[in-house]
Protein backbone atom coordinates (compact mmCIF):
# COMPACT_ATOMS: atom_id res chain seq x y z
CA MET A 1 -208.35 113.39 104.20
CA ARG A 2 -207.84 110.06 105.93
CA LEU A 3 -210.06 108.03 103.66
CA ARG A 4 -208.03 109.53 100.90
CA SER A 5 -204.66 107.95 101.81
CA SER A 6 -206.15 105.04 102.80
CA VAL A 7 -207.60 104.71 99.23
CA SER A 8 -204.27 105.57 97.96
CA VAL A 9 -202.81 102.53 100.06
CA ALA A 10 -205.34 100.13 98.82
CA VAL A 11 -204.96 100.94 95.09
CA THR A 12 -200.96 101.31 95.40
CA LEU A 13 -201.33 97.81 96.92
CA GLY A 14 -203.64 96.41 94.23
CA VAL A 15 -201.50 97.51 91.44
CA LEU A 16 -198.91 95.98 92.65
CA ALA A 17 -200.83 93.04 93.61
CA CYS A 18 -202.01 92.85 90.19
CA LEU A 19 -198.61 93.29 88.47
CA TRP A 20 -197.57 90.56 90.91
CA MET A 21 -199.98 87.88 89.52
CA VAL A 22 -199.46 88.76 85.78
CA ARG A 23 -195.60 88.62 86.41
CA ALA A 24 -196.22 85.13 88.54
CA GLN A 25 -198.62 83.63 84.74
CA GLN A 26 -195.59 84.78 82.71
CA PRO A 27 -192.40 82.65 81.94
CA PRO A 28 -189.10 83.02 83.45
CA PRO A 29 -187.96 85.87 81.73
CA GLN A 30 -184.80 85.01 79.27
CA ALA A 31 -181.98 87.59 78.89
CA ALA A 32 -183.25 89.71 76.02
CA PHE A 33 -179.27 89.10 74.45
CA PRO A 34 -177.85 85.98 75.43
CA ALA A 35 -174.12 85.58 75.60
CA ASP A 36 -173.68 83.65 72.35
CA GLN A 37 -170.44 82.69 70.91
CA LYS A 38 -171.13 85.35 68.39
CA ASN A 39 -171.63 88.45 70.97
CA ILE A 40 -168.55 86.79 72.94
CA GLU A 41 -166.44 86.68 70.30
CA LEU A 42 -167.00 90.67 69.45
CA PHE A 43 -166.68 91.33 73.16
CA GLN A 44 -163.06 89.70 73.04
CA ARG A 45 -162.30 91.04 69.88
CA ILE A 46 -162.87 94.78 70.98
CA SER A 47 -160.87 94.20 74.08
CA GLN A 48 -157.66 93.13 72.55
CA TYR A 49 -157.63 95.60 70.18
CA PRO A 50 -155.92 98.24 72.63
CA ALA A 51 -154.02 95.83 73.95
CA LYS A 52 -152.24 95.53 70.20
CA LEU A 53 -151.09 98.95 70.93
CA ALA A 54 -149.65 98.52 74.78
CA PRO A 55 -146.32 97.73 73.08
CA TYR A 56 -146.36 101.10 70.82
CA LEU A 57 -147.26 102.99 73.74
CA GLU A 58 -144.33 102.29 75.63
CA GLN A 59 -142.16 104.10 72.98
CA VAL A 60 -143.97 107.09 73.18
CA ARG A 61 -141.84 109.65 75.93
CA ALA A 62 -144.52 112.31 75.92
CA SER A 63 -142.59 113.37 79.20
CA ASP A 64 -139.62 114.14 77.24
CA TRP A 65 -141.89 116.58 74.81
CA VAL A 66 -142.34 118.99 77.75
CA ALA A 67 -138.54 119.84 77.36
CA LYS A 68 -139.39 120.81 73.83
CA GLY A 69 -142.29 122.91 74.40
CA ALA A 70 -145.06 120.39 74.59
CA PRO A 71 -148.04 120.67 77.08
CA GLU A 72 -148.20 118.71 80.43
CA ALA A 73 -151.35 117.23 79.00
CA TYR A 74 -149.71 115.03 76.77
CA VAL A 75 -148.03 113.47 79.58
CA ALA A 76 -151.48 112.53 81.64
CA GLN A 77 -153.22 111.18 77.95
CA LEU A 78 -150.31 109.22 77.62
CA THR A 79 -151.18 107.73 81.31
CA SER A 80 -154.85 107.87 80.55
CA ALA A 81 -154.03 106.09 77.16
CA ARG A 82 -151.71 103.74 79.33
CA GLN A 83 -154.76 103.07 82.23
CA GLN A 84 -157.90 102.30 79.45
CA VAL A 85 -155.93 99.73 77.65
CA ASP A 86 -156.74 97.66 80.91
CA ALA A 87 -159.96 99.17 81.62
CA ILE A 88 -161.52 98.35 78.21
CA ARG A 89 -160.63 94.54 78.73
CA ASN A 90 -162.11 94.91 81.82
CA GLU A 91 -165.40 96.45 80.91
CA MET A 92 -165.91 93.83 78.06
CA SER A 93 -165.22 91.10 80.65
CA ALA A 94 -168.38 92.13 82.45
CA LEU A 95 -170.17 93.15 79.19
CA ALA A 96 -169.04 89.23 78.08
CA GLY A 97 -170.75 88.29 81.20
CA HIS A 98 -173.67 90.32 81.41
CA PRO A 99 -174.94 91.11 77.76
CA GLU A 100 -178.08 91.89 78.42
CA ASN A 101 -177.09 94.93 80.92
CA MET A 102 -177.50 97.80 79.38
CA GLN A 103 -175.46 100.29 81.29
CA GLU A 104 -172.76 98.12 81.21
CA SER A 105 -173.03 97.79 77.46
CA MET A 106 -172.89 101.43 77.26
CA ARG A 107 -170.22 102.06 79.60
CA ALA A 108 -167.75 99.50 77.41
CA LEU A 109 -168.81 101.27 74.37
CA PHE A 110 -168.07 104.58 75.69
CA ARG A 111 -164.56 103.69 77.58
CA VAL A 112 -163.44 102.64 73.68
CA GLN A 113 -164.99 105.71 72.23
CA ALA A 114 -162.52 107.64 75.24
CA PHE A 115 -159.44 105.99 74.52
CA HIS A 116 -159.75 106.92 70.75
CA ARG A 117 -160.46 110.55 71.57
CA THR A 118 -157.44 110.43 73.98
CA LEU A 119 -155.18 108.70 71.34
CA ASP A 120 -156.07 110.79 68.42
CA SER A 121 -154.90 113.79 70.24
CA LEU A 122 -151.43 111.47 71.62
CA MET A 123 -150.96 111.39 68.10
CA GLY A 124 -151.08 115.17 67.36
CA GLY A 125 -147.94 115.51 69.87
CA LEU A 126 -146.28 112.40 68.78
CA ARG A 127 -146.06 113.69 65.18
CA LYS A 128 -144.98 117.23 66.15
CA TYR A 129 -142.18 116.26 69.07
CA GLN A 130 -141.23 112.29 68.44
CA ASN A 131 -142.28 110.43 65.12
CA PRO A 132 -144.22 110.84 62.75
CA ALA A 133 -143.90 107.08 61.48
CA LEU A 134 -144.67 105.90 64.90
CA ALA A 135 -147.59 107.98 65.20
CA ASP A 136 -149.05 106.61 61.55
CA LEU A 137 -148.13 102.90 63.02
CA ILE A 138 -150.31 103.62 65.71
CA GLN A 139 -153.38 105.08 64.22
CA SER A 140 -152.87 102.06 61.83
CA VAL A 141 -153.61 99.61 64.10
CA ALA A 142 -155.99 101.57 66.20
CA VAL A 143 -158.58 102.07 63.61
CA GLU A 144 -158.71 98.05 63.08
CA ASP A 145 -161.52 97.96 65.85
CA GLN A 146 -163.94 100.47 63.82
CA GLY A 147 -165.80 97.50 62.01
CA ASP A 148 -166.63 95.55 65.30
CA LEU A 149 -167.38 98.87 67.20
CA GLY A 150 -170.20 99.52 64.78
CA LYS A 151 -171.54 95.80 65.58
CA LEU A 152 -170.94 97.26 68.91
CA GLN A 153 -173.04 100.30 68.69
CA GLU A 154 -175.97 98.36 66.69
CA TYR A 155 -175.77 95.53 69.32
CA ILE A 156 -176.94 98.44 71.75
CA LEU A 157 -179.37 99.98 69.70
CA GLU A 158 -180.94 96.61 69.57
CA LEU A 159 -180.81 96.07 73.52
CA ALA A 160 -181.74 99.05 73.94
CA ASN A 161 -184.90 98.78 71.51
CA GLN A 162 -185.70 95.17 73.43
CA LYS A 163 -185.65 97.14 76.60
CA GLU A 164 -188.20 99.74 75.51
CA GLN A 165 -190.48 97.23 73.95
CA GLU A 166 -190.00 95.09 77.72
CA TYR A 167 -190.97 98.59 79.30
CA ALA A 168 -194.13 98.90 77.04
CA VAL A 169 -195.71 95.54 77.76
CA VAL A 170 -194.95 96.21 81.59
CA ASP A 171 -196.53 100.08 81.35
CA HIS A 172 -199.87 98.54 79.25
CA GLU A 173 -200.03 95.77 81.91
CA ALA A 174 -199.82 98.15 84.47
CA GLN A 175 -202.56 100.77 83.12
CA ARG A 176 -204.61 97.48 82.73
CA CYS A 177 -204.42 96.66 86.29
CA ARG A 178 -205.17 100.01 87.63
CA ALA A 179 -208.00 100.37 85.08
CA ALA A 180 -209.43 96.97 86.56
CA LEU A 181 -208.65 98.06 90.16
CA SER A 182 -210.36 101.51 89.88
CA LYS A 183 -213.41 99.61 88.74
CA GLU A 184 -213.76 97.93 91.73
CA PRO A 185 -215.91 98.99 94.84
CA VAL A 186 -213.68 100.77 97.70
CA LYS A 187 -214.02 98.81 100.57
CA ARG A 188 -214.79 100.74 103.70
CA LYS A 189 -214.16 99.77 107.64
């Protein structure tokens, strides 16, 4: 039993040493998707679309709708929509600083999508309880970002593909190292 755990530790250390040597031989990694001007402009544009809606959202009076029989949920949706305007700006700024970060990319996309879902629901209440023309205006401004959101989705798919390729290379090297180490005789004390 003791020999088996010693062999396991030796193999693990050998694999780590092999990976370290392979890593040391490679040039330093560059960001898969550098923060080039095109991507930074994309992130900035997406962050500005919801801000265009802020003055219109200030005209929405969801709390007055409750007296007309509207559900309280509309008040919460309006509050959420207003908060998401700032959150989208912050997350897009973070993404511009770390465009290769898959988690930040997905968080930013999901935030914008959640904003649109909240806005769509809120517009139903705005049409019914306050002003259909204002709802139409808000929705016409809200759809302006659809082309850029499509580009962000493409960007994230390309980023995911790049990360998957990087993982495949690391996995291949790890398998190669394990195979090389398994051929070496075990040193016994």
